[in-house]
Amino acid sequence: MELEERVAELERRLAALERAADAGPPSLGDGDFWALDGLKDQLGQVGEAAADGGVLFTGAVRLPAGERYEWQYGALTAGLLGQEGDRTDWSEAAEPLAALGHPVRLRLLREILGGRRTAAELAELEETGTTGQIYHHLRLLTAAGWLHTTGRGRYEVAGTRVVPLLVVLTAARP
């Protein structure tokens, strides 16, 4: 390649990088199926077991209190729908989903992700009920696996549950 062509190619690449930087961070959901394309590539590498497809959820999250979480999970359609002898018992999802089915519990989860970690801090919130009611909601969220205690009345969403919680909330939007 001649020097002029190489310089022109470098200038083209630099201009593309500058345009991308000026455009700001990429927006999600604007028709760019990079995650779906990656999933299909992975399914193709798995072969016959992935013939019916699969699902993937993933996220990179920084919470208001500063914690960072990166997480992904994928499952083959055959396993999710109970085909080929690989049965997923959907009833196992009932308790975690039911625990999310109350506005106060969702509010408590949001506040905990936002940095309020103690029962006393949560009891200061308006419209969350009495201290006894808050403890009841916290107990249900803990039993369902959305929360765990870190000692002395402190609660947090387990790191492996942050992205799945946000995925469920995203999927529940109309």
N, C-alpha and C. Protein backbone atom coordinates (compact mmCIF):
# COMPACT_ATOMS: atom_id res chain seq x y z
N MET A 1 0.86 -1.18 0.00
CA MET A 1 0.00 0.00 0.00
C MET A 1 0.90 1.23 0.00
N GLU A 2 0.56 2.20 -0.83
CA GLU A 2 1.37 3.40 -0.91
C GLU A 2 1.15 4.27 0.31
N LEU A 3 2.10 5.13 0.58
CA LEU A 3 2.05 6.00 1.75
C LEU A 3 0.80 6.86 1.76
N GLU A 4 0.41 7.41 0.64
CA GLU A 4 -0.78 8.25 0.57
C GLU A 4 -2.04 7.47 0.95
N GLU A 5 -2.14 6.23 0.47
CA GLU A 5 -3.30 5.40 0.80
C GLU A 5 -3.32 5.08 2.29
N ARG A 6 -2.15 4.78 2.85
CA ARG A 6 -2.08 4.47 4.27
C ARG A 6 -2.48 5.66 5.12
N VAL A 7 -2.02 6.84 4.75
CA VAL A 7 -2.36 8.07 5.48
C VAL A 7 -3.86 8.35 5.35
N ALA A 8 -4.41 8.16 4.17
CA ALA A 8 -5.85 8.38 3.97
C ALA A 8 -6.66 7.41 4.82
N GLU A 9 -6.23 6.15 4.89
CA GLU A 9 -6.92 5.16 5.72
C GLU A 9 -6.85 5.54 7.20
N LEU A 10 -5.69 5.98 7.65
CA LEU A 10 -5.54 6.42 9.04
C LEU A 10 -6.44 7.63 9.34
N GLU A 11 -6.51 8.57 8.41
CA GLU A 11 -7.37 9.74 8.59
C GLU A 11 -8.84 9.34 8.65
N ARG A 12 -9.23 8.38 7.81
CA ARG A 12 -10.61 7.90 7.83
C ARG A 12 -10.93 7.27 9.18
N ARG A 13 -10.03 6.43 9.69
CA ARG A 13 -10.24 5.78 10.98
C ARG A 13 -10.29 6.80 12.12
N LEU A 14 -9.40 7.79 12.07
CA LEU A 14 -9.39 8.83 13.10
C LEU A 14 -10.69 9.62 13.07
N ALA A 15 -11.18 9.95 11.89
CA ALA A 15 -12.44 10.69 11.78
C ALA A 15 -13.59 9.87 12.35
N ALA A 16 -13.61 8.57 12.10
CA ALA A 16 -14.67 7.71 12.64
C ALA A 16 -14.60 7.67 14.16
N LEU A 17 -13.41 7.56 14.71
CA LEU A 17 -13.26 7.57 16.17
C LEU A 17 -13.71 8.90 16.78
N GLU A 18 -13.36 10.00 16.12
CA GLU A 18 -13.78 11.32 16.63
C GLU A 18 -15.29 11.48 16.57
N ARG A 19 -15.92 10.99 15.49
CA ARG A 19 -17.38 11.05 15.40
C ARG A 19 -18.03 10.24 16.51
N ALA A 20 -17.48 9.07 16.77
CA ALA A 20 -18.01 8.21 17.83
C ALA A 20 -17.86 8.89 19.19
N ALA A 21 -16.73 9.55 19.41
CA ALA A 21 -16.50 10.23 20.68
C ALA A 21 -17.46 11.42 20.83
N ASP A 22 -17.70 12.15 19.75
CA ASP A 22 -18.60 13.29 19.79
C ASP A 22 -20.05 12.86 20.00
N ALA A 23 -20.39 11.69 19.52
CA ALA A 23 -21.77 11.21 19.65
C ALA A 23 -22.10 10.81 21.08
N GLY A 24 -21.09 10.65 21.92
CA GLY A 24 -21.32 10.26 23.30
C GLY A 24 -21.48 8.76 23.41
N PRO A 25 -21.89 8.34 24.61
CA PRO A 25 -22.01 6.89 24.81
C PRO A 25 -23.10 6.30 23.93
N PRO A 26 -22.93 5.07 23.51
CA PRO A 26 -23.96 4.46 22.66
C PRO A 26 -25.26 4.30 23.44
N SER A 27 -26.35 4.53 22.74
CA SER A 27 -27.64 4.31 23.39
C SER A 27 -28.06 2.88 23.11
N LEU A 28 -28.72 2.31 24.08
CA LEU A 28 -29.14 0.92 23.94
C LEU A 28 -30.55 0.87 23.36
N GLY A 29 -30.80 -0.12 22.55
CA GLY A 29 -32.14 -0.33 22.03
C GLY A 29 -32.48 0.46 20.79
N ASP A 30 -31.47 1.02 20.12
CA ASP A 30 -31.74 1.80 18.92
C ASP A 30 -31.55 1.01 17.64
N GLY A 31 -31.83 -0.30 17.69
CA GLY A 31 -31.75 -1.10 16.48
C GLY A 31 -30.41 -1.77 16.26
N ASP A 32 -29.46 -1.55 17.14
CA ASP A 32 -28.17 -2.21 17.01
C ASP A 32 -28.22 -3.49 17.82
N PHE A 33 -28.23 -4.63 17.16
CA PHE A 33 -28.41 -5.92 17.82
C PHE A 33 -27.08 -6.60 18.10
N TRP A 34 -26.11 -5.87 18.63
CA TRP A 34 -24.80 -6.44 18.90
C TRP A 34 -24.88 -7.58 19.93
N ALA A 35 -25.72 -7.45 20.95
CA ALA A 35 -25.85 -8.52 21.94
C ALA A 35 -26.52 -9.75 21.32
N LEU A 36 -27.57 -9.53 20.55
CA LEU A 36 -28.26 -10.64 19.89
C LEU A 36 -27.34 -11.33 18.89
N ASP A 37 -26.60 -10.53 18.13
CA ASP A 37 -25.67 -11.12 17.16
C ASP A 37 -24.62 -11.97 17.88
N GLY A 38 -24.12 -11.49 19.02
CA GLY A 38 -23.16 -12.25 19.80
C GLY A 38 -23.75 -13.54 20.33
N LEU A 39 -25.01 -13.48 20.79
CA LEU A 39 -25.69 -14.68 21.28
C LEU A 39 -25.83 -15.70 20.16
N LYS A 40 -26.23 -15.25 18.99
CA LYS A 40 -26.40 -16.18 17.86
C LYS A 40 -25.07 -16.80 17.47
N ASP A 41 -23.99 -16.03 17.54
CA ASP A 41 -22.67 -16.59 17.26
C ASP A 41 -22.33 -17.68 18.28
N GLN A 42 -22.59 -17.42 19.55
CA GLN A 42 -22.32 -18.40 20.60
C GLN A 42 -23.17 -19.66 20.41
N LEU A 43 -24.45 -19.45 20.08
CA LEU A 43 -25.33 -20.60 19.86
C LEU A 43 -24.83 -21.45 18.70
N GLY A 44 -24.32 -20.80 17.67
CA GLY A 44 -23.78 -21.54 16.54
C GLY A 44 -22.58 -22.39 16.93
N GLN A 45 -21.81 -21.92 17.89
CA GLN A 45 -20.63 -22.67 18.34
C GLN A 45 -21.02 -23.86 19.23
N VAL A 46 -22.17 -23.75 19.90
CA VAL A 46 -22.62 -24.84 20.76
C VAL A 46 -23.11 -26.00 19.91
N GLY A 47 -23.68 -25.70 18.76
CA GLY A 47 -24.10 -26.75 17.83
C GLY A 47 -25.53 -27.20 18.01
N GLU A 48 -25.75 -28.48 17.81
CA GLU A 48 -27.11 -29.06 17.79
C GLU A 48 -27.88 -28.79 19.07
N ALA A 49 -27.23 -28.76 20.22
CA ALA A 49 -27.93 -28.53 21.49
C ALA A 49 -28.60 -27.16 21.51
N ALA A 50 -28.12 -26.23 20.68
CA ALA A 50 -28.66 -24.87 20.67
C ALA A 50 -29.56 -24.62 19.46
N ALA A 51 -30.03 -25.69 18.83
CA ALA A 51 -30.81 -25.54 17.60
C ALA A 51 -32.08 -24.70 17.80
N ASP A 52 -32.67 -24.77 18.99
CA ASP A 52 -33.90 -24.02 19.25
C ASP A 52 -33.64 -22.63 19.80
N GLY A 53 -32.39 -22.27 19.98
CA GLY A 53 -32.05 -20.93 20.43
C GLY A 53 -31.78 -20.85 21.92
N GLY A 54 -31.73 -19.63 22.40
CA GLY A 54 -31.45 -19.40 23.80
C GLY A 54 -31.71 -17.96 24.17
N VAL A 55 -31.53 -17.67 25.44
CA VAL A 55 -31.68 -16.32 25.95
C VAL A 55 -30.42 -15.92 26.70
N LEU A 56 -30.20 -14.63 26.76
CA LEU A 56 -29.03 -14.09 27.44
C LEU A 56 -29.42 -12.80 28.12
N PHE A 57 -29.00 -12.64 29.37
CA PHE A 57 -29.10 -11.32 29.96
C PHE A 57 -27.77 -10.98 30.59
N THR A 58 -27.44 -9.70 30.51
CA THR A 58 -26.13 -9.25 30.92
C THR A 58 -26.22 -7.80 31.35
N GLY A 59 -25.28 -7.37 32.14
CA GLY A 59 -25.27 -5.98 32.55
C GLY A 59 -23.96 -5.59 33.20
N ALA A 60 -23.65 -4.31 33.08
CA ALA A 60 -22.53 -3.68 33.77
C ALA A 60 -23.13 -2.49 34.49
N VAL A 61 -23.11 -2.50 35.82
CA VAL A 61 -23.88 -1.56 36.62
C VAL A 61 -22.98 -0.86 37.63
N ARG A 62 -23.17 0.44 37.78
CA ARG A 62 -22.57 1.18 38.89
C ARG A 62 -23.72 1.74 39.70
N LEU A 63 -23.81 1.34 40.96
CA LEU A 63 -24.89 1.80 41.83
C LEU A 63 -24.59 3.18 42.39
N PRO A 64 -25.62 3.89 42.86
CA PRO A 64 -25.39 5.23 43.42
C PRO A 64 -24.37 5.26 44.56
N ALA A 65 -24.26 4.16 45.32
CA ALA A 65 -23.30 4.11 46.42
C ALA A 65 -21.88 3.78 45.94
N GLY A 66 -21.72 3.55 44.62
CA GLY A 66 -20.40 3.35 44.04
C GLY A 66 -20.02 1.93 43.71
N GLU A 67 -20.76 0.93 44.17
CA GLU A 67 -20.42 -0.45 43.85
C GLU A 67 -20.62 -0.70 42.36
N ARG A 68 -19.76 -1.56 41.83
CA ARG A 68 -19.85 -1.92 40.41
C ARG A 68 -20.07 -3.42 40.30
N TYR A 69 -20.94 -3.78 39.37
CA TYR A 69 -21.23 -5.19 39.14
C TYR A 69 -21.28 -5.45 37.65
N GLU A 70 -20.67 -6.55 37.24
CA GLU A 70 -20.75 -7.03 35.87
C GLU A 70 -21.19 -8.47 35.95
N TRP A 71 -22.17 -8.82 35.13
CA TRP A 71 -22.75 -10.14 35.26
C TRP A 71 -23.45 -10.53 33.97
N GLN A 72 -23.43 -11.82 33.66
CA GLN A 72 -24.20 -12.32 32.52
C GLN A 72 -24.63 -13.74 32.80
N TYR A 73 -25.72 -14.12 32.14
CA TYR A 73 -26.24 -15.47 32.27
C TYR A 73 -26.98 -15.81 30.98
N GLY A 74 -26.81 -17.02 30.54
CA GLY A 74 -27.50 -17.49 29.35
C GLY A 74 -28.08 -18.87 29.58
N ALA A 75 -29.12 -19.19 28.87
CA ALA A 75 -29.75 -20.50 28.97
C ALA A 75 -30.28 -20.90 27.59
N LEU A 76 -30.22 -22.19 27.32
CA LEU A 76 -30.75 -22.70 26.06
C LEU A 76 -32.27 -22.82 26.16
N THR A 77 -32.95 -22.57 25.07
CA THR A 77 -34.41 -22.64 25.02
C THR A 77 -34.90 -24.04 25.40
N ALA A 78 -34.22 -25.07 24.95
CA ALA A 78 -34.65 -26.44 25.24
C ALA A 78 -34.74 -26.67 26.75
N GLY A 79 -33.77 -26.18 27.49
CA GLY A 79 -33.79 -26.35 28.93
C GLY A 79 -34.88 -25.54 29.60
N LEU A 80 -35.11 -24.33 29.10
CA LEU A 80 -36.14 -23.47 29.70
C LEU A 80 -37.55 -24.00 29.45
N LEU A 81 -37.75 -24.59 28.28
CA LEU A 81 -39.09 -25.08 27.94
C LEU A 81 -39.28 -26.55 28.30
N GLY A 82 -38.25 -27.17 28.86
CA GLY A 82 -38.39 -28.55 29.31
C GLY A 82 -38.32 -29.57 28.20
N GLN A 83 -37.58 -29.28 27.15
CA GLN A 83 -37.44 -30.22 26.05
C GLN A 83 -36.20 -31.08 26.29
N GLU A 84 -36.12 -32.18 25.60
CA GLU A 84 -34.94 -33.05 25.59
C GLU A 84 -34.55 -33.51 26.99
N GLY A 85 -35.51 -33.74 27.86
CA GLY A 85 -35.23 -34.29 29.18
C GLY A 85 -34.59 -33.31 30.14
N ASP A 86 -34.30 -32.07 29.72
CA ASP A 86 -33.69 -31.08 30.59
C ASP A 86 -34.78 -30.15 31.08
N ARG A 87 -35.39 -30.49 32.18
CA ARG A 87 -36.56 -29.76 32.66
C ARG A 87 -36.21 -28.71 33.69
N THR A 88 -36.65 -27.50 33.43
CA THR A 88 -36.55 -26.43 34.39
C THR A 88 -37.90 -26.30 35.05
N ASP A 89 -37.94 -26.41 36.36
CA ASP A 89 -39.19 -26.31 37.10
C ASP A 89 -39.53 -24.83 37.28
N TRP A 90 -40.48 -24.36 36.52
CA TRP A 90 -40.85 -22.95 36.58
C TRP A 90 -41.42 -22.56 37.93
N SER A 91 -41.93 -23.52 38.69
CA SER A 91 -42.49 -23.17 40.00
C SER A 91 -41.42 -22.64 40.94
N GLU A 92 -40.14 -22.95 40.67
CA GLU A 92 -39.05 -22.42 41.48
C GLU A 92 -38.97 -20.90 41.38
N ALA A 93 -39.50 -20.33 40.32
CA ALA A 93 -39.46 -18.88 40.13
C ALA A 93 -40.58 -18.17 40.87
N ALA A 94 -41.55 -18.91 41.38
CA ALA A 94 -42.73 -18.28 42.00
C ALA A 94 -42.36 -17.42 43.20
N GLU A 95 -41.57 -17.94 44.12
CA GLU A 95 -41.25 -17.18 45.32
C GLU A 95 -40.45 -15.91 45.02
N PRO A 96 -39.36 -15.98 44.23
CA PRO A 96 -38.65 -14.74 43.91
C PRO A 96 -39.51 -13.72 43.17
N LEU A 97 -40.36 -14.20 42.24
CA LEU A 97 -41.22 -13.27 41.52
C LEU A 97 -42.31 -12.69 42.43
N ALA A 98 -42.88 -13.53 43.29
CA ALA A 98 -43.91 -13.05 44.22
C ALA A 98 -43.34 -12.01 45.16
N ALA A 99 -42.10 -12.19 45.57
CA ALA A 99 -41.48 -11.22 46.49
C ALA A 99 -41.37 -9.85 45.85
N LEU A 100 -41.26 -9.80 44.54
CA LEU A 100 -41.17 -8.52 43.84
C LEU A 100 -42.55 -7.92 43.56
N GLY A 101 -43.60 -8.65 43.90
CA GLY A 101 -44.96 -8.23 43.54
C GLY A 101 -45.62 -7.28 44.52
N HIS A 102 -44.85 -6.52 45.27
CA HIS A 102 -45.43 -5.57 46.22
C HIS A 102 -44.69 -4.24 46.10
N PRO A 103 -45.41 -3.13 45.98
CA PRO A 103 -44.76 -1.83 45.78
C PRO A 103 -43.79 -1.46 46.90
N VAL A 104 -44.10 -1.80 48.15
CA VAL A 104 -43.20 -1.45 49.25
C VAL A 104 -41.90 -2.24 49.13
N ARG A 105 -41.99 -3.51 48.76
CA ARG A 105 -40.77 -4.30 48.62
C ARG A 105 -39.90 -3.77 47.48
N LEU A 106 -40.53 -3.37 46.39
CA LEU A 106 -39.77 -2.78 45.29
C LEU A 106 -39.11 -1.48 45.74
N ARG A 107 -39.82 -0.69 46.50
CA ARG A 107 -39.25 0.57 47.03
C ARG A 107 -38.07 0.27 47.95
N LEU A 108 -38.21 -0.74 48.82
CA LEU A 108 -37.11 -1.09 49.72
C LEU A 108 -35.88 -1.54 48.93
N LEU A 109 -36.09 -2.34 47.90
CA LEU A 109 -34.97 -2.77 47.07
C LEU A 109 -34.29 -1.59 46.41
N ARG A 110 -35.08 -0.67 45.88
CA ARG A 110 -34.51 0.52 45.23
C ARG A 110 -33.70 1.34 46.22
N GLU A 111 -34.23 1.51 47.42
CA GLU A 111 -33.53 2.29 48.44
C GLU A 111 -32.25 1.59 48.89
N ILE A 112 -32.28 0.28 49.01
CA ILE A 112 -31.08 -0.47 49.40
C ILE A 112 -30.02 -0.36 48.32
N LEU A 113 -30.43 -0.49 47.06
CA LEU A 113 -29.47 -0.31 45.96
C LEU A 113 -28.92 1.11 45.94
N GLY A 114 -29.72 2.06 46.41
CA GLY A 114 -29.30 3.46 46.45
C GLY A 114 -28.41 3.81 47.62
N GLY A 115 -28.25 2.89 48.57
CA GLY A 115 -27.32 3.15 49.66
C GLY A 115 -27.90 3.09 51.06
N ARG A 116 -29.23 3.09 51.18
CA ARG A 116 -29.84 2.93 52.51
C ARG A 116 -29.77 1.44 52.84
N ARG A 117 -29.01 1.08 53.84
CA ARG A 117 -28.76 -0.32 54.08
C ARG A 117 -29.32 -0.85 55.39
N THR A 118 -29.63 0.01 56.33
CA THR A 118 -30.09 -0.50 57.63
C THR A 118 -31.60 -0.41 57.74
N ALA A 119 -32.15 -1.26 58.60
CA ALA A 119 -33.59 -1.22 58.84
C ALA A 119 -33.99 0.14 59.39
N ALA A 120 -33.15 0.75 60.19
CA ALA A 120 -33.46 2.07 60.76
C ALA A 120 -33.55 3.12 59.65
N GLU A 121 -32.63 3.08 58.69
CA GLU A 121 -32.68 4.03 57.57
C GLU A 121 -33.94 3.81 56.74
N LEU A 122 -34.30 2.56 56.54
CA LEU A 122 -35.48 2.24 55.74
C LEU A 122 -36.75 2.64 56.47
N ALA A 123 -36.75 2.56 57.79
CA ALA A 123 -37.93 2.93 58.59
C ALA A 123 -38.19 4.43 58.54
N GLU A 124 -37.18 5.22 58.21
CA GLU A 124 -37.35 6.67 58.11
C GLU A 124 -38.10 7.09 56.85
N LEU A 125 -38.22 6.19 55.89
CA LEU A 125 -38.89 6.52 54.63
C LEU A 125 -40.39 6.66 54.84
N GLU A 126 -40.98 7.55 54.09
CA GLU A 126 -42.44 7.71 54.14
C GLU A 126 -43.10 6.63 53.29
N GLU A 127 -44.30 6.26 53.69
CA GLU A 127 -45.15 5.34 52.95
C GLU A 127 -44.56 3.93 52.79
N THR A 128 -43.76 3.50 53.78
CA THR A 128 -43.25 2.14 53.74
C THR A 128 -43.82 1.31 54.89
N GLY A 129 -44.62 1.90 55.73
CA GLY A 129 -45.26 1.16 56.81
C GLY A 129 -44.51 1.27 58.12
N THR A 130 -44.95 0.47 59.07
CA THR A 130 -44.35 0.45 60.39
C THR A 130 -43.04 -0.33 60.35
N THR A 131 -42.29 -0.23 61.41
CA THR A 131 -41.04 -0.98 61.49
C THR A 131 -41.31 -2.48 61.36
N GLY A 132 -42.37 -2.97 61.99
CA GLY A 132 -42.73 -4.38 61.88
C GLY A 132 -43.06 -4.78 60.46
N GLN A 133 -43.79 -3.90 59.74
CA GLN A 133 -44.11 -4.20 58.35
C GLN A 133 -42.86 -4.20 57.47
N ILE A 134 -41.95 -3.27 57.74
CA ILE A 134 -40.70 -3.23 56.98
C ILE A 134 -39.90 -4.50 57.19
N TYR A 135 -39.80 -4.94 58.46
CA TYR A 135 -39.09 -6.19 58.73
C TYR A 135 -39.75 -7.38 58.04
N HIS A 136 -41.07 -7.36 57.97
CA HIS A 136 -41.79 -8.43 57.27
C HIS A 136 -41.38 -8.46 55.79
N HIS A 137 -41.38 -7.29 55.15
CA HIS A 137 -41.00 -7.20 53.74
C HIS A 137 -39.53 -7.61 53.54
N LEU A 138 -38.66 -7.17 54.43
CA LEU A 138 -37.24 -7.52 54.33
C LEU A 138 -37.04 -9.03 54.49
N ARG A 139 -37.81 -9.63 55.38
CA ARG A 139 -37.73 -11.08 55.59
C ARG A 139 -38.14 -11.84 54.32
N LEU A 140 -39.23 -11.39 53.67
CA LEU A 140 -39.68 -12.04 52.43
C LEU A 140 -38.65 -11.88 51.31
N LEU A 141 -38.07 -10.69 51.20
CA LEU A 141 -37.06 -10.46 50.16
C LEU A 141 -35.80 -11.30 50.42
N THR A 142 -35.46 -11.46 51.69
CA THR A 142 -34.30 -12.28 52.05
C THR A 142 -34.58 -13.76 51.76
N ALA A 143 -35.76 -14.23 52.14
CA ALA A 143 -36.11 -15.64 51.91
C ALA A 143 -36.16 -15.95 50.41
N ALA A 144 -36.54 -14.98 49.60
CA ALA A 144 -36.63 -15.19 48.16
C ALA A 144 -35.28 -15.03 47.46
N GLY A 145 -34.25 -14.64 48.21
CA GLY A 145 -32.92 -14.54 47.64
C GLY A 145 -32.54 -13.19 47.06
N TRP A 146 -33.42 -12.20 47.17
CA TRP A 146 -33.09 -10.88 46.64
C TRP A 146 -32.18 -10.10 47.57
N LEU A 147 -32.27 -10.35 48.85
CA LEU A 147 -31.46 -9.66 49.84
C LEU A 147 -30.69 -10.67 50.68
N HIS A 148 -29.64 -10.18 51.32
CA HIS A 148 -29.01 -10.93 52.39
C HIS A 148 -28.56 -9.93 53.45
N THR A 149 -28.43 -10.42 54.66
CA THR A 149 -28.01 -9.53 55.75
C THR A 149 -26.50 -9.55 55.84
N THR A 150 -25.98 -8.40 56.20
CA THR A 150 -24.53 -8.27 56.35
C THR A 150 -24.20 -7.99 57.81
N GLY A 151 -25.14 -8.27 58.69
CA GLY A 151 -24.91 -8.10 60.12
C GLY A 151 -25.53 -6.82 60.68
N ARG A 152 -25.97 -6.92 61.91
CA ARG A 152 -26.48 -5.77 62.67
C ARG A 152 -27.56 -4.99 61.93
N GLY A 153 -28.52 -5.68 61.37
CA GLY A 153 -29.65 -5.03 60.72
C GLY A 153 -29.33 -4.37 59.40
N ARG A 154 -28.22 -4.76 58.78
CA ARG A 154 -27.84 -4.21 57.48
C ARG A 154 -28.23 -5.20 56.38
N TYR A 155 -28.74 -4.67 55.30
CA TYR A 155 -29.19 -5.49 54.18
C TYR A 155 -28.52 -5.01 52.91
N GLU A 156 -28.31 -5.95 52.00
CA GLU A 156 -27.84 -5.58 50.67
C GLU A 156 -28.34 -6.59 49.67
N VAL A 157 -28.41 -6.14 48.43
CA VAL A 157 -28.73 -7.04 47.33
C VAL A 157 -27.42 -7.74 46.98
N ALA A 158 -27.44 -9.06 46.96
CA ALA A 158 -26.23 -9.81 46.62
C ALA A 158 -25.74 -9.39 45.25
N GLY A 159 -24.43 -9.33 45.08
CA GLY A 159 -23.85 -8.90 43.81
C GLY A 159 -24.36 -9.70 42.62
N THR A 160 -24.59 -11.00 42.82
CA THR A 160 -25.08 -11.83 41.71
C THR A 160 -26.56 -11.63 41.45
N ARG A 161 -27.23 -10.82 42.24
CA ARG A 161 -28.66 -10.57 42.05
C ARG A 161 -28.96 -9.16 41.55
N VAL A 162 -27.95 -8.28 41.52
CA VAL A 162 -28.18 -6.89 41.10
C VAL A 162 -28.65 -6.84 39.65
N VAL A 163 -27.88 -7.41 38.74
CA VAL A 163 -28.25 -7.37 37.32
C VAL A 163 -29.55 -8.14 37.07
N PRO A 164 -29.72 -9.36 37.62
CA PRO A 164 -31.01 -10.03 37.41
C PRO A 164 -32.20 -9.22 37.90
N LEU A 165 -32.07 -8.53 39.02
CA LEU A 165 -33.16 -7.68 39.52
C LEU A 165 -33.47 -6.59 38.51
N LEU A 166 -32.45 -5.94 38.00
CA LEU A 166 -32.67 -4.87 37.04
C LEU A 166 -33.23 -5.41 35.72
N VAL A 167 -32.85 -6.63 35.35
CA VAL A 167 -33.40 -7.26 34.15
C VAL A 167 -34.89 -7.52 34.34
N VAL A 168 -35.27 -8.08 35.50
CA VAL A 168 -36.69 -8.35 35.77
C VAL A 168 -37.48 -7.05 35.73
N LEU A 169 -36.96 -6.01 36.34
CA LEU A 169 -37.67 -4.72 36.33
C LEU A 169 -37.78 -4.16 34.91
N THR A 170 -36.74 -4.32 34.12
CA THR A 170 -36.78 -3.87 32.72
C THR A 170 -37.82 -4.67 31.93
N ALA A 171 -37.84 -5.99 32.13
CA ALA A 171 -38.78 -6.84 31.41
C ALA A 171 -40.23 -6.55 31.82
N ALA A 172 -40.45 -6.08 33.02
CA ALA A 172 -41.80 -5.83 33.51
C ALA A 172 -42.37 -4.51 33.00
N ARG A 173 -41.57 -3.69 32.39
CA ARG A 173 -42.07 -2.40 31.89
C ARG A 173 -42.96 -2.62 30.69
N PRO A 174 -44.03 -1.84 30.61
CA PRO A 174 -44.94 -1.99 29.46
C PRO A 174 -44.31 -1.51 28.16
